[in-house]
Amino acid sequence: MIKILYFARLRDSLNRGEEQLEYSAAINTGEKLLSALKSRGAPWQDALDKTQLLMSVNQTMASPDASIQDGDEVAFFPPVTGG
């Protein structure tokens, strides 16, 4: 299983802060995971397409081509600015 966390506006748009997804070789990178989530249609497509998203794997910032393995925690969040 992959634990997926959503933060900020993503959590609001998707009405959930987290979910579990069965791991498969078809979703073994961040990019492939995002593609699988977007394929669910609305509101997933809209929420995950609006802005550049940041991603972490096991609480470490990661690029879209980062490897994902069974048991990993993946978090998605929009860029934030300070003031």
Protein backbone atom coordinates (compact mmCIF):
# COMPACT_ATOMS: atom_id res chain seq x y z
CA MET A 1 0.00 0.00 0.00
CA ILE A 2 1.02 3.59 -0.63
CA LYS A 3 -0.12 6.22 1.84
CA ILE A 4 -0.98 9.43 -0.02
CA LEU A 5 -1.31 12.76 1.82
CA TYR A 6 -2.92 15.92 0.43
CA PHE A 7 -2.26 19.36 1.89
CA ALA A 8 -3.66 22.89 1.67
CA ARG A 9 -6.02 23.54 -1.26
CA LEU A 10 -5.63 19.95 -2.48
CA ARG A 11 -7.10 18.65 0.76
CA ASP A 12 -9.98 21.11 0.39
CA SER A 13 -10.62 20.37 -3.29
CA LEU A 14 -10.53 16.60 -2.84
CA ASN A 15 -12.38 16.54 0.50
CA ARG A 16 -9.73 14.31 2.02
CA GLY A 17 -6.39 14.66 3.69
CA GLU A 18 -5.13 11.18 2.96
CA GLU A 19 -5.86 7.84 1.39
CA GLN A 20 -4.31 4.41 0.85
CA LEU A 21 -3.70 3.08 -2.65
CA GLU A 22 -2.70 -0.44 -3.59
CA TYR A 23 0.87 -0.45 -4.90
CA SER A 24 1.56 -1.73 -8.41
CA ALA A 25 4.48 -1.55 -10.83
CA ALA A 26 2.29 0.69 -13.00
CA ILE A 27 2.55 3.46 -10.39
CA ASN A 28 6.19 3.19 -9.37
CA THR A 29 7.08 6.90 -9.79
CA GLY A 30 5.52 10.14 -8.62
CA GLU A 31 4.63 11.06 -12.19
CA LYS A 32 2.84 7.76 -12.76
CA LEU A 33 1.00 8.12 -9.45
CA LEU A 34 -0.18 11.61 -10.40
CA SER A 35 -1.33 10.32 -13.78
CA ALA A 36 -3.29 7.51 -12.12
CA LEU A 37 -4.94 9.94 -9.71
CA LYS A 38 -5.83 12.40 -12.51
CA SER A 39 -7.41 9.57 -14.51
CA ARG A 40 -10.16 9.45 -11.87
CA GLY A 41 -11.66 12.52 -13.55
CA ALA A 42 -13.21 15.44 -11.68
CA PRO A 43 -12.30 16.76 -9.16
CA TRP A 44 -8.95 14.96 -9.32
CA GLN A 45 -7.97 16.24 -12.77
CA ASP A 46 -8.76 19.84 -11.86
CA ALA A 47 -7.15 19.80 -8.42
CA LEU A 48 -3.93 18.13 -9.54
CA ASP A 49 -3.55 20.16 -12.77
CA LYS A 50 -4.10 23.72 -11.54
CA THR A 51 -0.60 24.61 -10.42
CA GLN A 52 2.79 23.09 -10.12
CA LEU A 53 2.70 20.65 -7.25
CA LEU A 54 5.43 19.76 -4.84
CA MET A 55 5.89 16.17 -3.81
CA SER A 56 7.64 14.35 -1.02
CA VAL A 57 8.35 10.66 -0.64
CA ASN A 58 8.81 9.46 2.92
CA GLN A 59 9.01 13.10 4.10
CA THR A 60 11.83 14.01 1.71
CA MET A 61 11.24 16.42 -1.18
CA ALA A 62 11.21 14.50 -4.44
CA SER A 63 10.98 15.09 -8.17
CA PRO A 64 8.21 13.61 -10.32
CA ASP A 65 10.53 10.85 -11.53
CA ALA A 66 11.27 9.72 -7.95
CA SER A 67 10.78 6.03 -7.33
CA ILE A 68 7.82 4.89 -5.24
CA GLN A 69 7.75 1.53 -3.54
CA ASP A 70 5.25 -0.48 -1.56
CA GLY A 71 4.90 1.00 1.94
CA ASP A 72 5.99 4.52 0.96
CA GLU A 73 4.27 7.72 2.05
CA VAL A 74 3.75 10.26 -0.74
CA ALA A 75 2.57 13.80 -0.06
CA PHE A 76 1.35 16.37 -2.57
CA PHE A 77 1.08 20.07 -1.82
CA PRO A 78 1.03 23.36 -3.70
CA PRO A 79 3.97 25.75 -3.47
CA VAL A 80 3.61 28.11 -0.54
CA THR A 81 4.91 31.60 -0.04
CA GLY A 82 5.85 33.31 3.14
CA GLY A 83 5.27 36.86 4.16
